Amino acid sequence: MKVYISCIYNSSKSKYKERGFHQLIGKQDDIGLYNEPGPYEKYAEFVGNKKIVEQPDIVCTQIHYAIDSAGWFWTNKESGKTVPNWSSSSQKEYVKFRAEHFSKALGKPLNEVSHLVEEDEKYYWLQAKLLNGYPKGQKLETNPIGWNIREKAFKILKNEVFEFDKLCKGDKELEFSIKVRAPWMDTVVNEAKVYGGKKQSLIQERVSLYHRKGANYNGVKDAWCSSFACWCLENTTPPFQTPHSAASSTFINHKTVERCEAFFGAIATFSDCDKNGNIESTGHVTFVYGKLPGSKIYAVLGGNQNNMIKVSIYDCSGNVFYSHYSVKRKKHVYKKFRGFFKPKNYVIKSEELLTDSDNYNTVDDANKKIGLGLIKTSTGEKDD
């Protein structure tokens, strides 16, 4: 925040150039420079510190003012944006969808919308979308500009920066550390937040994308767990090589993955079998999200779990366990854990190992953390 790189723009040459988390900027004078205090003066009056007008660098050199000036701007009714009052009775499908999906934010300034983020992180997505522009006709198909970076920054602010009791110690400078756990899980979780909890028929276009881009499969296939896993791994920064197949069994012996221990983001593989453990060609692949009570019982996040993206319960002990009744195959399906895998040569970091913070009392608690609080998990969830 203390370094400002000069450039060709007038704002760079001005006394009241952009500073602080919101990039507070002054008013233009007759020659186009931002040499009139404008918002700086209003903010100085608000906080009772006239030195801000005389020494505008205070806004970018003192962490309190860098953050507080942004908060002031967002609560300033003359400057902030407001969520439209979309109507659920509208004849336009996208308007009706937004009214129902973002019902708690309608008519509120974006600053008030931020209060909803703790309850459901989809409102942070809405904030970013409205700031970037939310074109007519769009529902959730297109993420805000720079969403991957925005979401990572949001997690850092939420989980690390604003733990004031741990990180803010008087006048000491903050030390920021970025710990990304299994980078592909950002993609997996983001897909769950946007498309999770919805049956395949409601997100068929997205499922077809997983098949097409994650497995080169252009047909209509109900089993899409492997296509989802491949697509997520391949659409991460950096991307990871995968079996690139719609068949979950390819993860077990493919050259792009290797066996490993359990960790956050580990690829968990299962084979269908009969009750005696005789292996079949079909199965399931998903990602480790956390641990549940019981020996080797995990909360796993993946596609095609009860025909949707969600967290489910899976037994990773190696014992045969009952899965579901398959209407398509007209029989009861059992499963057997085949192993944890990771991308080839990926080095598991210490912070990716499961800790107490990854423990959940129920799988519904894990879904709630992602924002899928309305899902109630039942036994016998289909995945074929």
Protein backbone atom coordinates (compact mmCIF):
# COMPACT_ATOMS: atom_id res chain seq x y z
CA MET A 1 0.00 0.00 0.00
CA LYS A 2 2.95 2.32 0.55
CA VAL A 3 4.21 2.06 -3.03
CA TYR A 4 2.39 3.81 -5.86
CA ILE A 5 3.68 3.19 -9.36
CA SER A 6 3.54 6.27 -11.58
CA CYS A 7 1.87 5.90 -14.97
CA ILE A 8 0.46 7.97 -17.84
CA TYR A 9 -2.95 8.54 -16.26
CA ASN A 10 -3.91 11.83 -14.61
CA SER A 11 -4.78 10.06 -11.38
CA SER A 12 -1.14 9.04 -11.01
CA LYS A 13 0.05 12.64 -11.30
CA SER A 14 -2.53 14.05 -8.89
CA LYS A 15 -2.30 14.94 -5.20
CA TYR A 16 -5.51 13.08 -4.37
CA LYS A 17 -4.82 9.95 -6.42
CA GLU A 18 -6.31 6.54 -5.60
CA ARG A 19 -5.43 5.31 -2.11
CA GLY A 20 -6.75 2.71 0.33
CA PHE A 21 -8.61 -0.54 -0.22
CA HIS A 22 -11.30 1.18 -2.27
CA GLN A 23 -8.85 3.47 -4.11
CA LEU A 24 -10.33 6.71 -2.76
CA ILE A 25 -9.85 9.46 -5.37
CA GLY A 26 -10.36 13.25 -5.30
CA LYS A 27 -12.24 15.55 -7.68
CA GLN A 28 -10.88 16.68 -11.02
CA ASP A 29 -9.82 20.28 -11.45
CA ASP A 30 -9.98 22.39 -14.61
CA ILE A 31 -6.94 20.69 -16.19
CA GLY A 32 -8.15 17.17 -15.47
CA LEU A 33 -5.97 16.38 -12.45
CA TYR A 34 -7.42 15.08 -9.19
CA ASN A 35 -6.06 17.94 -7.12
CA GLU A 36 -9.27 18.84 -5.28
CA PRO A 37 -9.86 16.76 -2.13
CA GLY A 38 -13.55 15.97 -2.70
CA PRO A 39 -14.14 12.56 -1.02
CA TYR A 40 -10.90 12.98 0.96
CA GLU A 41 -12.33 16.07 2.63
CA LYS A 42 -15.68 14.38 3.31
CA TYR A 43 -13.95 11.35 4.79
CA ALA A 44 -11.66 13.57 6.91
CA GLU A 45 -14.75 15.30 8.32
CA PHE A 46 -16.41 11.94 8.97
CA VAL A 47 -13.51 10.57 11.03
CA GLY A 48 -12.53 13.92 12.54
CA ASN A 49 -8.98 13.95 11.21
CA LYS A 50 -8.20 17.03 9.10
CA LYS A 51 -4.65 15.81 8.54
CA ILE A 52 -6.02 13.47 5.88
CA VAL A 53 -6.60 16.49 3.61
CA GLU A 54 -3.11 17.84 4.25
CA GLN A 55 -1.40 14.42 4.14
CA PRO A 56 -3.51 12.16 1.89
CA ASP A 57 -0.90 9.38 2.06
CA ILE A 58 -2.35 8.60 5.50
CA VAL A 59 -5.08 6.69 3.65
CA CYS A 60 -2.58 4.24 2.18
CA THR A 61 0.13 4.12 4.86
CA GLN A 62 -2.03 3.44 7.92
CA ILE A 63 -3.91 0.15 7.80
CA HIS A 64 -6.90 1.43 9.79
CA TYR A 65 -7.61 4.28 7.37
CA ALA A 66 -6.93 2.09 4.33
CA ILE A 67 -9.71 -0.24 5.46
CA ASP A 68 -11.99 2.31 7.13
CA SER A 69 -12.05 4.65 4.11
CA ALA A 70 -13.31 1.76 1.98
CA GLY A 71 -16.02 0.99 4.54
CA TRP A 72 -17.01 4.68 4.62
CA PHE A 73 -17.34 4.72 0.83
CA TRP A 74 -19.53 1.63 0.80
CA THR A 75 -21.92 3.15 3.35
CA ASN A 76 -22.03 6.52 1.59
CA LYS A 77 -25.46 6.63 -0.05
CA GLU A 78 -24.22 9.07 -2.68
CA SER A 79 -21.60 6.62 -3.94
CA GLY A 80 -22.75 3.07 -3.33
CA LYS A 81 -24.67 0.70 -5.60
CA THR A 82 -28.00 -0.92 -4.78
CA VAL A 83 -29.38 -4.31 -5.76
CA PRO A 84 -32.38 -3.89 -8.10
CA ASN A 85 -35.82 -4.85 -6.80
CA TRP A 86 -36.16 -7.77 -9.18
CA SER A 87 -39.69 -9.18 -9.16
CA SER A 88 -40.49 -12.87 -8.73
CA SER A 89 -43.66 -12.28 -10.77
CA SER A 90 -41.75 -10.94 -13.77
CA GLN A 91 -42.44 -12.49 -17.16
CA LYS A 92 -38.71 -12.45 -17.85
CA GLU A 93 -37.20 -15.73 -16.70
CA TYR A 94 -33.81 -14.28 -15.69
CA VAL A 95 -35.46 -11.52 -13.61
CA LYS A 96 -37.68 -14.03 -11.82
CA PHE A 97 -34.68 -16.28 -11.18
CA ARG A 98 -32.62 -13.45 -9.64
CA ALA A 99 -35.53 -12.33 -7.48
CA GLU A 100 -35.91 -15.80 -6.01
CA HIS A 101 -32.20 -16.76 -5.84
CA PHE A 102 -31.05 -13.48 -4.24
CA SER A 103 -34.29 -12.74 -2.39
CA LYS A 104 -32.67 -11.39 0.80
CA ALA A 105 -30.64 -8.76 -1.08
CA LEU A 106 -33.36 -7.06 -3.11
CA GLY A 107 -33.26 -3.26 -2.87
CA LYS A 108 -30.31 -3.23 -0.47
CA PRO A 109 -27.07 -1.25 -0.86
CA LEU A 110 -24.10 -3.52 -1.54
CA ASN A 111 -22.73 -2.71 1.90
CA GLU A 112 -25.84 -4.23 3.49
CA VAL A 113 -25.59 -7.18 1.11
CA SER A 114 -22.17 -7.89 2.61
CA HIS A 115 -23.93 -8.66 5.91
CA LEU A 116 -25.59 -11.62 4.16
CA VAL A 117 -22.29 -13.16 3.07
CA GLU A 118 -21.71 -14.91 6.39
CA GLU A 119 -25.06 -16.65 5.97
CA ASP A 120 -24.56 -17.51 2.30
CA GLU A 121 -21.46 -16.72 0.26
CA LYS A 122 -23.47 -16.48 -2.96
CA TYR A 123 -24.13 -12.85 -1.98
CA TYR A 124 -20.41 -12.09 -2.34
CA TRP A 125 -20.70 -13.44 -5.89
CA LEU A 126 -23.67 -11.09 -6.42
CA GLN A 127 -21.70 -8.09 -5.13
CA ALA A 128 -18.83 -8.78 -7.52
CA LYS A 129 -21.23 -9.38 -10.40
CA LEU A 130 -23.08 -6.11 -9.91
CA LEU A 131 -19.82 -4.18 -9.66
CA ASN A 132 -18.57 -5.71 -12.92
CA GLY A 133 -21.94 -5.55 -14.62
CA TYR A 134 -24.73 -8.12 -14.64
CA PRO A 135 -26.03 -8.25 -18.26
CA LYS A 136 -29.64 -9.02 -19.02
CA GLY A 137 -30.41 -12.68 -19.53
CA GLN A 138 -27.59 -13.98 -17.36
CA LYS A 139 -28.41 -16.13 -14.36
CA LEU A 140 -25.34 -17.83 -12.88
CA GLU A 141 -23.72 -18.95 -16.12
CA THR A 142 -20.92 -16.38 -16.17
CA ASN A 143 -18.73 -15.63 -13.15
CA PRO A 144 -17.66 -12.05 -12.38
CA ILE A 145 -14.47 -10.84 -14.05
CA GLY A 146 -11.42 -12.27 -12.29
CA TRP A 147 -13.57 -14.50 -10.08
CA ASN A 148 -10.85 -17.03 -9.23
CA ILE A 149 -8.61 -14.28 -7.85
CA ARG A 150 -11.51 -12.48 -6.16
CA GLU A 151 -12.64 -15.65 -4.39
CA LYS A 152 -9.14 -16.45 -3.16
CA ALA A 153 -8.74 -12.88 -1.87
CA PHE A 154 -12.11 -13.13 -0.15
CA LYS A 155 -11.05 -16.29 1.67
CA ILE A 156 -7.83 -14.65 2.83
CA LEU A 157 -9.73 -11.61 4.14
CA LYS A 158 -12.39 -13.73 5.81
CA ASN A 159 -10.21 -16.41 7.38
CA GLU A 160 -6.90 -14.65 8.01
CA VAL A 161 -6.88 -10.84 7.75
CA PHE A 162 -9.97 -10.04 9.80
CA GLU A 163 -9.11 -12.28 12.73
CA PHE A 164 -8.24 -9.08 14.60
CA ASP A 165 -7.58 -10.78 17.92
CA LYS A 166 -4.82 -12.81 16.29
CA LEU A 167 -3.38 -10.56 13.61
CA CYS A 168 -3.94 -6.94 14.62
CA LYS A 169 -1.53 -6.11 17.44
CA GLY A 170 -1.50 -2.35 18.02
CA ASP A 171 0.75 -0.62 15.51
CA LYS A 172 2.48 -3.78 14.31
CA GLU A 173 2.29 -4.49 10.61
CA LEU A 174 0.15 -7.38 9.46
CA GLU A 175 1.85 -10.45 8.09
CA PHE A 176 -0.13 -12.02 5.30
CA SER A 177 0.34 -15.67 4.44
CA ILE A 178 -1.50 -17.34 1.58
CA LYS A 179 -2.09 -21.03 2.17
CA VAL A 180 -3.91 -22.66 -0.71
CA ARG A 181 -5.00 -26.18 0.17
CA ALA A 182 -5.13 -28.45 -2.89
CA PRO A 183 -5.69 -25.69 -5.47
CA TRP A 184 -8.19 -27.74 -7.48
CA MET A 185 -10.53 -27.66 -4.48
CA ASP A 186 -11.16 -23.96 -5.09
CA THR A 187 -12.67 -24.99 -8.42
CA VAL A 188 -14.61 -27.90 -6.92
CA VAL A 189 -16.07 -25.78 -4.11
CA ASN A 190 -16.92 -22.92 -6.47
CA GLU A 191 -18.84 -25.29 -8.73
CA ALA A 192 -20.70 -26.57 -5.66
CA LYS A 193 -21.59 -23.04 -4.56
CA VAL A 194 -22.99 -22.11 -7.96
CA TYR A 195 -24.47 -25.40 -9.20
CA GLY A 196 -24.62 -27.56 -6.06
CA GLY A 197 -27.82 -28.92 -4.55
CA LYS A 198 -29.62 -28.96 -7.90
CA LYS A 199 -30.70 -32.17 -9.63
CA GLN A 200 -29.03 -33.00 -12.93
CA SER A 201 -32.10 -32.03 -14.94
CA LEU A 202 -31.74 -28.45 -13.67
CA ILE A 203 -28.04 -28.16 -14.52
CA GLN A 204 -27.91 -30.44 -17.58
CA GLU A 205 -26.12 -27.79 -19.65
CA ARG A 206 -23.33 -27.66 -17.06
CA VAL A 207 -23.16 -31.45 -16.80
CA SER A 208 -22.82 -31.63 -20.58
CA LEU A 209 -19.92 -29.17 -20.29
CA TYR A 210 -18.18 -31.47 -17.77
CA HIS A 211 -18.61 -34.39 -20.17
CA ARG A 212 -17.53 -32.46 -23.24
CA LYS A 213 -14.55 -30.59 -21.80
CA GLY A 214 -13.53 -33.05 -19.06
CA ALA A 215 -13.86 -36.32 -20.95
CA ASN A 216 -14.40 -35.64 -24.68
CA TYR A 217 -17.81 -37.24 -24.27
CA ASN A 218 -20.63 -35.70 -26.30
CA GLY A 219 -23.49 -38.03 -25.50
CA VAL A 220 -26.08 -38.07 -22.73
CA LYS A 221 -24.72 -40.01 -19.76
CA ASP A 222 -26.20 -40.14 -16.26
CA ALA A 223 -22.90 -41.09 -14.61
CA TRP A 224 -20.88 -37.86 -14.59
CA CYS A 225 -18.70 -38.06 -11.46
CA SER A 226 -15.49 -38.71 -13.43
CA SER A 227 -16.18 -36.00 -16.03
CA PHE A 228 -16.76 -33.55 -13.18
CA ALA A 229 -13.54 -34.57 -11.38
CA CYS A 230 -11.46 -34.31 -14.57
CA TRP A 231 -12.96 -30.95 -15.53
CA CYS A 232 -12.25 -29.46 -12.08
CA LEU A 233 -8.64 -30.64 -12.05
CA GLU A 234 -8.04 -29.42 -15.60
CA ASN A 235 -9.67 -26.03 -15.00
CA THR A 236 -7.54 -25.06 -12.01
CA THR A 237 -4.61 -22.65 -11.91
CA PRO A 238 -2.27 -24.33 -12.58
CA PRO A 239 -4.16 -27.07 -14.48
CA PHE A 240 -3.52 -30.73 -13.63
CA GLN A 241 -3.44 -33.67 -16.01
CA THR A 242 -6.19 -36.27 -15.57
CA PRO A 243 -7.40 -39.52 -17.17
CA HIS A 244 -9.77 -37.24 -19.14
CA SER A 245 -12.43 -39.93 -19.09
CA ALA A 246 -16.07 -40.36 -18.15
CA ALA A 247 -15.19 -43.69 -16.51
CA SER A 248 -14.33 -43.40 -12.80
CA SER A 249 -12.30 -46.63 -12.88
CA THR A 250 -9.61 -44.92 -15.02
CA PHE A 251 -8.39 -43.02 -11.95
CA ILE A 252 -7.25 -46.26 -10.28
CA ASN A 253 -4.35 -47.09 -12.59
CA HIS A 254 -3.83 -44.03 -14.78
CA LYS A 255 -0.39 -42.51 -15.37
CA THR A 256 -1.59 -38.97 -14.48
CA VAL A 257 -2.33 -39.86 -10.84
CA GLU A 258 -0.62 -41.72 -8.02
CA ARG A 259 -1.66 -43.27 -4.72
CA CYS A 260 -1.35 -41.24 -1.53
CA GLU A 261 -2.66 -40.79 1.99
CA ALA A 262 -5.87 -38.98 2.86
CA PHE A 263 -5.66 -35.19 2.74
CA PHE A 264 -7.96 -32.26 1.94
CA GLY A 265 -8.63 -32.61 -1.79
CA ALA A 266 -7.44 -36.19 -2.17
CA ILE A 267 -9.16 -38.04 -5.02
CA ALA A 268 -11.16 -40.89 -3.49
CA THR A 269 -12.02 -43.81 -5.77
CA PHE A 270 -14.60 -46.58 -5.36
CA SER A 271 -15.64 -49.63 -7.36
CA ASP A 272 -19.14 -51.06 -7.52
CA CYS A 273 -19.33 -54.67 -6.35
CA ASP A 274 -21.71 -57.30 -5.09
CA LYS A 275 -22.23 -57.89 -1.40
CA ASN A 276 -19.34 -60.37 -1.40
CA GLY A 277 -16.90 -57.76 -2.74
CA ASN A 278 -16.61 -59.00 -6.33
CA ILE A 279 -15.49 -55.91 -8.28
CA GLU A 280 -17.48 -54.55 -11.23
CA SER A 281 -16.37 -52.12 -13.96
CA THR A 282 -18.45 -49.17 -12.71
CA GLY A 283 -17.79 -47.05 -9.63
CA HIS A 284 -17.41 -43.53 -8.32
CA VAL A 285 -14.73 -40.83 -7.94
CA THR A 286 -14.92 -37.80 -5.67
CA PHE A 287 -12.80 -35.47 -3.48
CA VAL A 288 -12.06 -35.61 0.25
CA TYR A 289 -13.63 -32.59 1.98
CA GLY A 290 -13.42 -33.64 5.63
CA LYS A 291 -13.80 -36.37 8.22
CA LEU A 292 -16.97 -37.68 9.89
CA PRO A 293 -17.40 -39.61 13.15
CA GLY A 294 -16.37 -43.23 12.78
CA SER A 295 -13.33 -45.09 11.56
CA LYS A 296 -12.39 -44.19 7.97
CA ILE A 297 -15.70 -42.40 7.32
CA TYR A 298 -15.17 -39.31 5.16
CA ALA A 299 -17.16 -36.34 3.92
CA VAL A 300 -16.51 -36.25 0.18
CA LEU A 301 -17.47 -33.54 -2.30
CA GLY A 302 -18.13 -34.49 -5.89
CA GLY A 303 -20.47 -34.61 -8.86
CA ASN A 304 -23.35 -37.02 -9.40
CA GLN A 305 -23.80 -37.66 -5.68
CA ASN A 306 -27.52 -38.30 -5.41
CA ASN A 307 -27.66 -36.83 -8.92
CA MET A 308 -26.15 -33.48 -7.88
CA ILE A 309 -22.99 -31.75 -6.66
CA LYS A 310 -22.84 -32.06 -2.88
CA VAL A 311 -20.99 -33.49 0.10
CA SER A 312 -21.84 -37.12 0.90
CA ILE A 313 -20.80 -39.87 3.32
CA TYR A 314 -18.43 -42.56 2.02
CA ASP A 315 -16.72 -45.44 3.83
CA CYS A 316 -13.00 -45.46 2.97
CA SER A 317 -12.06 -48.43 5.16
CA GLY A 318 -11.91 -50.90 2.30
CA ASN A 319 -14.89 -52.84 3.63
CA VAL A 320 -17.86 -53.53 1.36
CA PHE A 321 -20.72 -51.11 2.09
CA TYR A 322 -24.22 -50.69 0.71
CA SER A 323 -24.56 -47.84 -1.77
CA HIS A 324 -28.07 -47.69 -3.29
CA TYR A 325 -30.70 -49.46 -5.35
CA SER A 326 -30.13 -48.94 -9.07
CA VAL A 327 -33.38 -48.64 -10.99
CA LYS A 328 -31.44 -48.72 -14.25
CA ARG A 329 -29.66 -51.99 -13.38
CA LYS A 330 -32.56 -53.32 -11.29
CA LYS A 331 -30.39 -54.40 -8.39
CA HIS A 332 -28.83 -53.33 -5.12
CA VAL A 333 -25.39 -51.76 -5.56
CA TYR A 334 -22.54 -52.17 -3.09
CA LYS A 335 -19.22 -50.37 -3.10
CA LYS A 336 -15.64 -50.85 -2.05
CA PHE A 337 -12.97 -48.19 -1.50
CA ARG A 338 -10.04 -48.55 -3.93
CA GLY A 339 -7.68 -45.83 -2.73
CA PHE A 340 -6.77 -42.17 -2.37
CA PHE A 341 -4.97 -40.53 -5.28
CA LYS A 342 -3.36 -37.20 -6.13
CA PRO A 343 -2.11 -35.64 -9.38
CA LYS A 344 1.21 -37.18 -10.45
CA ASN A 345 4.19 -35.57 -8.67
CA TYR A 346 1.97 -33.25 -6.62
CA VAL A 347 3.63 -32.62 -3.24
CA ILE A 348 1.16 -32.69 -0.34
CA LYS A 349 1.73 -29.68 1.93
CA SER A 350 1.44 -29.91 5.70
CA GLU A 351 -1.55 -27.56 5.77
CA GLU A 352 -3.43 -29.91 3.44
CA LEU A 353 -3.47 -32.76 5.96
CA LEU A 354 -6.80 -33.16 7.73
CA THR A 355 -7.06 -31.43 11.12
CA ASP A 356 -9.76 -30.94 13.73
CA SER A 357 -11.13 -28.04 11.68
CA ASP A 358 -11.97 -30.56 8.94
CA ASN A 359 -14.11 -32.68 11.27
CA TYR A 360 -17.90 -32.51 10.95
CA ASN A 361 -20.57 -34.00 13.21
CA THR A 362 -22.82 -34.67 10.22
CA VAL A 363 -22.49 -34.44 6.46
CA ASP A 364 -25.23 -31.81 6.51
CA ASP A 365 -22.88 -29.59 8.53
CA ALA A 366 -20.29 -29.93 5.76
CA ASN A 367 -22.83 -29.01 3.09
CA LYS A 368 -23.90 -26.02 5.15
CA LYS A 369 -20.34 -24.69 5.18
CA ILE A 370 -20.39 -24.54 1.38
CA GLY A 371 -23.77 -22.83 1.37
CA LEU A 372 -25.86 -25.92 0.68
CA GLY A 373 -27.69 -25.77 3.98
CA LEU A 374 -31.04 -26.89 2.58
CA ILE A 375 -29.72 -30.31 1.55
CA LYS A 376 -30.65 -33.18 3.82
CA THR A 377 -28.53 -36.25 3.13
CA SER A 378 -30.18 -39.65 3.15
CA THR A 379 -28.74 -43.15 2.98
CA GLY A 380 -28.64 -44.95 -0.35
CA GLU A 381 -27.72 -41.96 -2.51
CA LYS A 382 -27.42 -42.97 -6.16
CA ASP A 383 -24.31 -42.21 -8.21
CA ASP A 384 -24.96 -44.14 -11.42
